[in-house]
Amino acid sequence: MEKLNLFKELDSNSYPGRGIVMGRSADGNYAVSAYFIMGRSANSRNRIFTEDGDGIRTKAFDESKVEDPSLIIYAPVRVYGNTTIITNGDQTDTIYDGLSKQMSFEESLRSRRFEPDAPNYTPRISSVMNVEGGKFSYAMSILKSDNGNPEQCNRYTFSYDNPLAGEGHLIHTYMRDGNPLPSFEGEPKFVGIDGDFETFSKKLWESLNLDNKVALFVRFIELGTGQVRTKIINKHE
């Protein structure tokens, strides 16, 4: 499989929607994760990321302009033990609760489906990254309608053990802009993870469409020490 340039891949797509990146830094020393959100409507664009314990939460930038909080206000990132959970919706909490009951990532999502936002039926994308003893692995999931038919939910899980330096995967909600928005297709994209913490964060943010990008979260976990570096970039400051 050809390794794609992460930044070019995003720069070439005006509306990938919400997206998750996971992988290993180019120097091999860090487990890398990122989550971004984009928006076309005023309601979707009226958001920022804020820190919430070891994770983050979405919040309305201007509370007076909130139209419908049901699918835009949630905790995209939570941490359970050595596992970082990142999703594009409130299924973060579903996975967290499942892990606390000794359920697997895949089992935890059995109770969930794609978002009820007809006609888009936005996929629920989710991921978990486990870092322990200098090693790490991650898994990604997508729950989507059957080619736009809400009568069936298609469930896919992809697992990656011992990621190699400079390699990672990208999954996002939409293939491109459109009406209705076409759901992501295929397995997560094999992408390069380039640059140190600051460079990676800056280039990832700059690769997102200027009009549609809303917020970005980036986390580097040093494999040797477990030390965590986190950055949040909000369009609305």
C-alpha atoms as a PDB file:
ATOM      1  CA  MET A   1       0.000   0.000   0.000  1.00  0.00           C
ATOM      2  CA  GLU A   2       1.337   3.419  -0.934  1.00  0.00           C
ATOM      3  CA  LYS A   3       2.113   5.683   2.020  1.00  0.00           C
ATOM      4  CA  LEU A   4       0.282   8.960   1.501  1.00  0.00           C
ATOM      5  CA  ASN A   5       1.485  12.391   2.559  1.00  0.00           C
ATOM      6  CA  LEU A   6      -0.920  13.223   5.396  1.00  0.00           C
ATOM      7  CA  PHE A   7      -0.801  16.966   4.851  1.00  0.00           C
ATOM      8  CA  LYS A   8      -1.293  16.787   1.080  1.00  0.00           C
ATOM      9  CA  GLU A   9      -4.126  14.298   1.526  1.00  0.00           C
ATOM     10  CA  LEU A  10      -6.031  16.718   3.749  1.00  0.00           C
ATOM     11  CA  ASP A  11      -5.092  19.810   1.781  1.00  0.00           C
ATOM     12  CA  SER A  12      -6.628  18.262  -1.336  1.00  0.00           C
ATOM     13  CA  ASN A  13     -10.005  17.687   0.356  1.00  0.00           C
ATOM     14  CA  SER A  14     -12.070  20.765   1.219  1.00  0.00           C
ATOM     15  CA  TYR A  15     -14.352  18.824   3.530  1.00  0.00           C
ATOM     16  CA  PRO A  16     -13.181  15.537   5.090  1.00  0.00           C
ATOM     17  CA  GLY A  17     -15.418  16.405   8.063  1.00  0.00           C
ATOM     18  CA  ARG A  18     -14.087  15.123  11.367  1.00  0.00           C
ATOM     19  CA  GLY A  19     -10.914  13.051  11.372  1.00  0.00           C
ATOM     20  CA  ILE A  20      -8.610  10.955  13.538  1.00  0.00           C
ATOM     21  CA  VAL A  21      -4.890  10.385  12.989  1.00  0.00           C
ATOM     22  CA  MET A  22      -2.826   7.783  14.855  1.00  0.00           C
ATOM     23  CA  GLY A  23       0.727   6.595  14.358  1.00  0.00           C
ATOM     24  CA  ARG A  24       4.358   6.774  15.423  1.00  0.00           C
ATOM     25  CA  SER A  25       6.608   9.802  15.149  1.00  0.00           C
ATOM     26  CA  ALA A  26       9.356   9.878  12.528  1.00  0.00           C
ATOM     27  CA  ASP A  27      12.060   9.500  15.196  1.00  0.00           C
ATOM     28  CA  GLY A  28      10.249   6.490  16.663  1.00  0.00           C
ATOM     29  CA  ASN A  29      10.067   7.954  20.152  1.00  0.00           C
ATOM     30  CA  TYR A  30       6.435   9.018  20.370  1.00  0.00           C
ATOM     31  CA  ALA A  31       2.942   7.619  19.996  1.00  0.00           C
ATOM     32  CA  VAL A  32       1.062  10.256  18.003  1.00  0.00           C
ATOM     33  CA  SER A  33      -2.651  10.979  17.941  1.00  0.00           C
ATOM     34  CA  ALA A  34      -4.733  13.837  16.565  1.00  0.00           C
ATOM     35  CA  TYR A  35      -8.372  14.774  16.118  1.00  0.00           C
ATOM     36  CA  PHE A  36      -9.837  17.597  14.048  1.00  0.00           C
ATOM     37  CA  ILE A  37     -13.327  18.935  13.473  1.00  0.00           C
ATOM     38  CA  MET A  38     -14.688  20.944  10.569  1.00  0.00           C
ATOM     39  CA  GLY A  39     -18.043  22.528   9.873  1.00  0.00           C
ATOM     40  CA  ARG A  40     -20.205  23.942   7.097  1.00  0.00           C
ATOM     41  CA  SER A  41     -23.114  25.288   9.171  1.00  0.00           C
ATOM     42  CA  ALA A  42     -22.952  28.146  11.661  1.00  0.00           C
ATOM     43  CA  ASN A  43     -23.915  25.682  14.403  1.00  0.00           C
ATOM     44  CA  SER A  44     -21.008  23.340  13.595  1.00  0.00           C
ATOM     45  CA  ARG A  45     -18.500  26.167  13.256  1.00  0.00           C
ATOM     46  CA  ASN A  46     -19.485  27.693  16.596  1.00  0.00           C
ATOM     47  CA  ARG A  47     -17.212  25.383  18.612  1.00  0.00           C
ATOM     48  CA  ILE A  48     -13.878  25.194  20.380  1.00  0.00           C
ATOM     49  CA  PHE A  49     -11.901  22.472  22.154  1.00  0.00           C
ATOM     50  CA  THR A  50     -11.277  22.863  25.886  1.00  0.00           C
ATOM     51  CA  GLU A  51      -9.228  20.697  28.239  1.00  0.00           C
ATOM     52  CA  ASP A  52     -11.238  18.316  30.412  1.00  0.00           C
ATOM     53  CA  GLY A  53      -9.061  16.323  32.803  1.00  0.00           C
ATOM     54  CA  ASP A  54      -6.735  14.139  30.725  1.00  0.00           C
ATOM     55  CA  GLY A  55      -8.949  14.655  27.674  1.00  0.00           C
ATOM     56  CA  ILE A  56     -10.866  17.400  25.903  1.00  0.00           C
ATOM     57  CA  ARG A  57     -14.453  18.498  25.366  1.00  0.00           C
ATOM     58  CA  THR A  58     -16.169  20.528  22.668  1.00  0.00           C
ATOM     59  CA  LYS A  59     -17.805  23.740  23.794  1.00  0.00           C
ATOM     60  CA  ALA A  60     -19.858  26.420  22.082  1.00  0.00           C
ATOM     61  CA  PHE A  61     -17.750  29.483  21.355  1.00  0.00           C
ATOM     62  CA  ASP A  62     -20.821  31.735  21.511  1.00  0.00           C
ATOM     63  CA  GLU A  63     -23.524  30.162  23.683  1.00  0.00           C
ATOM     64  CA  SER A  64     -26.156  32.538  22.301  1.00  0.00           C
ATOM     65  CA  LYS A  65     -25.783  31.072  18.807  1.00  0.00           C
ATOM     66  CA  VAL A  66     -26.248  27.381  19.689  1.00  0.00           C
ATOM     67  CA  GLU A  67     -29.019  25.835  17.585  1.00  0.00           C
ATOM     68  CA  ASP A  68     -28.786  22.101  18.366  1.00  0.00           C
ATOM     69  CA  PRO A  69     -26.126  20.807  20.783  1.00  0.00           C
ATOM     70  CA  SER A  70     -27.013  17.107  20.419  1.00  0.00           C
ATOM     71  CA  LEU A  71     -24.335  16.115  17.903  1.00  0.00           C
ATOM     72  CA  ILE A  72     -21.772  18.868  18.379  1.00  0.00           C
ATOM     73  CA  ILE A  73     -21.144  18.961  22.153  1.00  0.00           C
ATOM     74  CA  TYR A  74     -19.293  15.896  23.465  1.00  0.00           C
ATOM     75  CA  ALA A  75     -15.950  14.676  24.842  1.00  0.00           C
ATOM     76  CA  PRO A  76     -13.827  13.641  21.830  1.00  0.00           C
ATOM     77  CA  VAL A  77     -10.910  12.504  23.995  1.00  0.00           C
ATOM     78  CA  ARG A  78     -10.874  10.561  27.269  1.00  0.00           C
ATOM     79  CA  VAL A  79      -8.197   8.461  28.957  1.00  0.00           C
ATOM     80  CA  TYR A  80      -8.819   5.125  30.669  1.00  0.00           C
ATOM     81  CA  GLY A  81      -5.660   3.847  32.348  1.00  0.00           C
ATOM     82  CA  ASN A  82      -3.039   3.521  29.605  1.00  0.00           C
ATOM     83  CA  THR A  83      -5.612   3.862  26.833  1.00  0.00           C
ATOM     84  CA  THR A  84      -6.449   7.076  25.000  1.00  0.00           C
ATOM     85  CA  ILE A  85      -9.921   7.083  23.451  1.00  0.00           C
ATOM     86  CA  ILE A  86     -10.683   9.443  20.551  1.00  0.00           C
ATOM     87  CA  THR A  87     -14.011   9.585  18.713  1.00  0.00           C
ATOM     88  CA  ASN A  88     -16.201  12.006  16.789  1.00  0.00           C
ATOM     89  CA  GLY A  89     -19.138  11.815  19.191  1.00  0.00           C
ATOM     90  CA  ASP A  90     -20.513  10.764  22.555  1.00  0.00           C
ATOM     91  CA  GLN A  91     -19.479   7.171  21.839  1.00  0.00           C
ATOM     92  CA  THR A  92     -16.263   8.189  23.624  1.00  0.00           C
ATOM     93  CA  ASP A  93     -18.228   7.660  26.820  1.00  0.00           C
ATOM     94  CA  THR A  94     -19.631   4.353  25.537  1.00  0.00           C
ATOM     95  CA  ILE A  95     -16.111   3.022  24.920  1.00  0.00           C
ATOM     96  CA  TYR A  96     -14.856   4.343  28.268  1.00  0.00           C
ATOM     97  CA  ASP A  97     -17.700   2.613  30.112  1.00  0.00           C
ATOM     98  CA  GLY A  98     -17.133  -0.583  28.136  1.00  0.00           C
ATOM     99  CA  LEU A  99     -13.418  -0.701  28.940  1.00  0.00           C
ATOM    100  CA  SER A 100     -14.238  -0.185  32.612  1.00  0.00           C
ATOM    101  CA  LYS A 101     -16.430  -3.317  32.394  1.00  0.00           C
ATOM    102  CA  GLN A 102     -13.645  -5.357  30.735  1.00  0.00           C
ATOM    103  CA  MET A 103     -15.328  -5.160  27.323  1.00  0.00           C
ATOM    104  CA  SER A 104     -13.257  -4.840  24.172  1.00  0.00           C
ATOM    105  CA  PHE A 105     -13.226  -1.768  21.931  1.00  0.00           C
ATOM    106  CA  GLU A 106     -15.338  -3.561  19.341  1.00  0.00           C
ATOM    107  CA  GLU A 107     -17.783  -4.972  21.908  1.00  0.00           C
ATOM    108  CA  SER A 108     -18.265  -1.546  23.457  1.00  0.00           C
ATOM    109  CA  LEU A 109     -19.456  -0.109  20.140  1.00  0.00           C
ATOM    110  CA  ARG A 110     -22.024  -2.832  19.469  1.00  0.00           C
ATOM    111  CA  SER A 111     -24.711  -0.679  21.034  1.00  0.00           C
ATOM    112  CA  ARG A 112     -23.997   2.294  18.751  1.00  0.00           C
ATOM    113  CA  ARG A 113     -24.812   3.199  15.147  1.00  0.00           C
ATOM    114  CA  PHE A 114     -24.055   6.046  12.740  1.00  0.00           C
ATOM    115  CA  GLU A 115     -25.403   9.495  13.590  1.00  0.00           C
ATOM    116  CA  PRO A 116     -29.154  10.130  13.047  1.00  0.00           C
ATOM    117  CA  ASP A 117     -28.584  13.152  10.822  1.00  0.00           C
ATOM    118  CA  ALA A 118     -30.471  12.221   7.651  1.00  0.00           C
ATOM    119  CA  PRO A 119     -29.701  12.372   4.785  1.00  0.00           C
ATOM    120  CA  ASN A 120     -25.974  12.311   5.637  1.00  0.00           C
ATOM    121  CA  TYR A 121     -26.060   9.559   8.277  1.00  0.00           C
ATOM    122  CA  THR A 122     -22.598  10.671   9.371  1.00  0.00           C
ATOM    123  CA  PRO A 123     -20.356   7.727  10.306  1.00  0.00           C
ATOM    124  CA  ARG A 124     -19.196   7.345  13.873  1.00  0.00           C
ATOM    125  CA  ILE A 125     -15.413   7.068  13.782  1.00  0.00           C
ATOM    126  CA  SER A 126     -13.589   5.911  16.902  1.00  0.00           C
ATOM    127  CA  SER A 127     -10.112   4.902  18.015  1.00  0.00           C
ATOM    128  CA  VAL A 128      -8.187   3.617  21.004  1.00  0.00           C
ATOM    129  CA  MET A 129      -4.445   3.798  21.603  1.00  0.00           C
ATOM    130  CA  ASN A 130      -2.757   1.747  24.325  1.00  0.00           C
ATOM    131  CA  VAL A 131       0.721   2.812  25.466  1.00  0.00           C
ATOM    132  CA  GLU A 132       2.460   0.658  28.045  1.00  0.00           C
ATOM    133  CA  GLY A 133       6.021  -0.428  28.808  1.00  0.00           C
ATOM    134  CA  GLY A 134       7.527   1.504  25.920  1.00  0.00           C
ATOM    135  CA  LYS A 135       5.266  -0.197  23.368  1.00  0.00           C
ATOM    136  CA  PHE A 136       1.944   0.763  21.871  1.00  0.00           C
ATOM    137  CA  SER A 137      -0.827  -0.299  19.549  1.00  0.00           C
ATOM    138  CA  TYR A 138      -3.987   1.264  18.262  1.00  0.00           C
ATOM    139  CA  ALA A 139      -7.304   0.389  16.665  1.00  0.00           C
ATOM    140  CA  MET A 140      -9.801   2.334  14.576  1.00  0.00           C
ATOM    141  CA  SER A 141     -13.505   1.781  13.949  1.00  0.00           C
ATOM    142  CA  ILE A 142     -16.165   3.132  11.638  1.00  0.00           C
ATOM    143  CA  LEU A 143     -19.927   2.592  11.963  1.00  0.00           C
ATOM    144  CA  LYS A 144     -21.699   3.670   8.779  1.00  0.00           C
ATOM    145  CA  SER A 145     -24.936   3.310   6.876  1.00  0.00           C
ATOM    146  CA  ASP A 146     -25.127   0.822   4.034  1.00  0.00           C
ATOM    147  CA  ASN A 147     -24.442   3.162   1.108  1.00  0.00           C
ATOM    148  CA  GLY A 148     -26.790   5.745   2.582  1.00  0.00           C
ATOM    149  CA  ASN A 149     -29.469   3.221   3.575  1.00  0.00           C
ATOM    150  CA  PRO A 150     -30.176   3.695   7.306  1.00  0.00           C
ATOM    151  CA  GLU A 151     -31.825   0.281   7.612  1.00  0.00           C
ATOM    152  CA  GLN A 152     -28.405  -1.358   7.979  1.00  0.00           C
ATOM    153  CA  CYS A 153     -25.330  -0.388   9.983  1.00  0.00           C
ATOM    154  CA  ASN A 154     -21.992  -1.607   8.642  1.00  0.00           C
ATOM    155  CA  ARG A 155     -19.293  -2.059  11.286  1.00  0.00           C
ATOM    156  CA  TYR A 156     -15.562  -2.164  10.592  1.00  0.00           C
ATOM    157  CA  THR A 157     -12.629  -2.387  13.019  1.00  0.00           C
ATOM    158  CA  PHE A 158      -8.944  -2.122  12.096  1.00  0.00           C
ATOM    159  CA  SER A 159      -6.114  -2.974  14.512  1.00  0.00           C
ATOM    160  CA  TYR A 160      -2.459  -1.993  14.274  1.00  0.00           C
ATOM    161  CA  ASP A 161       0.234  -3.551  16.479  1.00  0.00           C
ATOM    162  CA  ASN A 162       3.752  -2.176  16.931  1.00  0.00           C
ATOM    163  CA  PRO A 163       3.471   0.778  14.508  1.00  0.00           C
ATOM    164  CA  LEU A 164       6.688   1.616  12.667  1.00  0.00           C
ATOM    165  CA  ALA A 165       8.468   4.973  12.890  1.00  0.00           C
ATOM    166  CA  GLY A 166       7.008   7.610  10.617  1.00  0.00           C
ATOM    167  CA  GLU A 167       3.885   5.608   9.804  1.00  0.00           C
ATOM    168  CA  GLY A 168       0.257   6.011  10.795  1.00  0.00           C
ATOM    169  CA  HIS A 169      -3.364   5.993   9.675  1.00  0.00           C
ATOM    170  CA  LEU A 170      -6.045   8.563   8.962  1.00  0.00           C
ATOM    171  CA  ILE A 171      -9.790   8.039   9.067  1.00  0.00           C
ATOM    172  CA  HIS A 172     -12.412  10.742   8.537  1.00  0.00           C
ATOM    173  CA  THR A 173     -16.163  10.985   8.194  1.00  0.00           C
ATOM    174  CA  TYR A 174     -16.661  12.101   4.585  1.00  0.00           C
ATOM    175  CA  MET A 175     -14.974  11.311   1.298  1.00  0.00           C
ATOM    176  CA  ARG A 176     -15.454  14.924   0.171  1.00  0.00           C
ATOM    177  CA  ASP A 177     -17.949  17.768   0.220  1.00  0.00           C
ATOM    178  CA  GLY A 178     -21.399  17.100  -1.211  1.00  0.00           C
ATOM    179  CA  ASN A 179     -25.157  17.018  -0.629  1.00  0.00           C
ATOM    180  CA  PRO A 180     -25.707  14.590   0.924  1.00  0.00           C
ATOM    181  CA  LEU A 181     -22.193  14.149   2.251  1.00  0.00           C
ATOM    182  CA  PRO A 182     -20.663  10.860   1.029  1.00  0.00           C
ATOM    183  CA  SER A 183     -19.432   8.640   3.873  1.00  0.00           C
ATOM    184  CA  PHE A 184     -15.794   7.574   4.153  1.00  0.00           C
ATOM    185  CA  GLU A 185     -15.018   4.436   2.153  1.00  0.00           C
ATOM    186  CA  GLY A 186     -12.483   1.652   2.639  1.00  0.00           C
ATOM    187  CA  GLU A 187      -9.896   1.098   5.359  1.00  0.00           C
ATOM    188  CA  PRO A 188      -8.077   3.930   7.152  1.00  0.00           C
ATOM    189  CA  LYS A 189      -5.578   5.679   4.903  1.00  0.00           C
ATOM    190  CA  PHE A 190      -1.918   4.715   5.349  1.00  0.00           C
ATOM    191  CA  VAL A 191      -0.097   8.014   5.940  1.00  0.00           C
ATOM    192  CA  GLY A 192       3.312   9.322   6.919  1.00  0.00           C
ATOM    193  CA  ILE A 193       3.825  10.925  10.334  1.00  0.00           C
ATOM    194  CA  ASP A 194       6.374  13.681   9.754  1.00  0.00           C
ATOM    195  CA  GLY A 195       7.949  16.349  11.932  1.00  0.00           C
ATOM    196  CA  ASP A 196       8.385  16.956  15.634  1.00  0.00           C
ATOM    197  CA  PHE A 197       5.491  17.911  17.913  1.00  0.00           C
ATOM    198  CA  GLU A 198       5.347  21.583  16.963  1.00  0.00           C
ATOM    199  CA  THR A 199       5.973  21.046  13.254  1.00  0.00           C
ATOM    200  CA  PHE A 200       3.429  18.234  12.973  1.00  0.00           C
ATOM    201  CA  SER A 201       0.757  20.281  14.779  1.00  0.00           C
ATOM    202  CA  LYS A 202       1.373  23.381  12.665  1.00  0.00           C
ATOM    203  CA  LYS A 203       1.388  21.547   9.327  1.00  0.00           C
ATOM    204  CA  LEU A 204      -1.702  19.518  10.199  1.00  0.00           C
ATOM    205  CA  TRP A 205      -3.654  22.658  11.085  1.00  0.00           C
ATOM    206  CA  GLU A 206      -2.482  24.456   7.961  1.00  0.00           C
ATOM    207  CA  SER A 207      -3.509  21.511   5.758  1.00  0.00           C
ATOM    208  CA  LEU A 208      -7.183  21.832   6.774  1.00  0.00           C
ATOM    209  CA  ASN A 209      -9.445  23.984   4.618  1.00  0.00           C
ATOM    210  CA  LEU A 210      -9.354  27.577   5.848  1.00  0.00           C
ATOM    211  CA  ASP A 211     -13.100  28.180   5.650  1.00  0.00           C
ATOM    212  CA  ASN A 212     -14.241  24.851   7.109  1.00  0.00           C
ATOM    213  CA  LYS A 213     -11.722  24.000   9.839  1.00  0.00           C
ATOM    214  CA  VAL A 214     -12.856  24.541  13.416  1.00  0.00           C
ATOM    215  CA  ALA A 215     -10.453  22.967  15.926  1.00  0.00           C
ATOM    216  CA  LEU A 216      -7.505  20.565  16.253  1.00  0.00           C
ATOM    217  CA  PHE A 217      -6.160  18.381  19.073  1.00  0.00           C
ATOM    218  CA  VAL A 218      -2.676  16.811  18.924  1.00  0.00           C
ATOM    219  CA  ARG A 219      -1.020  14.552  21.507  1.00  0.00           C
ATOM    220  CA  PHE A 220       2.477  13.059  21.579  1.00  0.00           C
ATOM    221  CA  ILE A 221       3.213  10.420  24.249  1.00  0.00           C
ATOM    222  CA  GLU A 222       6.903   9.653  24.794  1.00  0.00           C
ATOM    223  CA  LEU A 223       7.252   5.888  24.750  1.00  0.00           C
ATOM    224  CA  GLY A 224      10.198   5.745  27.125  1.00  0.00           C
ATOM    225  CA  THR A 225       8.791   7.932  29.898  1.00  0.00           C
ATOM    226  CA  GLY A 226       5.076   8.193  29.230  1.00  0.00           C
ATOM    227  CA  GLN A 227       5.394  11.980  29.235  1.00  0.00           C
ATOM    228  CA  VAL A 228       2.482  13.641  27.420  1.00  0.00           C
ATOM    229  CA  ARG A 229       2.496  16.765  25.244  1.00  0.00           C
ATOM    230  CA  THR A 230      -0.848  18.127  24.120  1.00  0.00           C
ATOM    231  CA  LYS A 231      -1.799  21.019  21.883  1.00  0.00           C
ATOM    232  CA  ILE A 232      -5.205  22.496  21.143  1.00  0.00           C
ATOM    233  CA  ILE A 233      -5.698  24.912  18.255  1.00  0.00           C
ATOM    234  CA  ASN A 234      -9.063  26.665  17.899  1.00  0.00           C
ATOM    235  CA  LYS A 235     -10.115  28.845  14.970  1.00  0.00           C
ATOM    236  CA  HIS A 236     -12.083  30.931  17.456  1.00  0.00           C
ATOM    237  CA  GLU A 237      -9.750  32.162  20.165  1.00  0.00           C
END
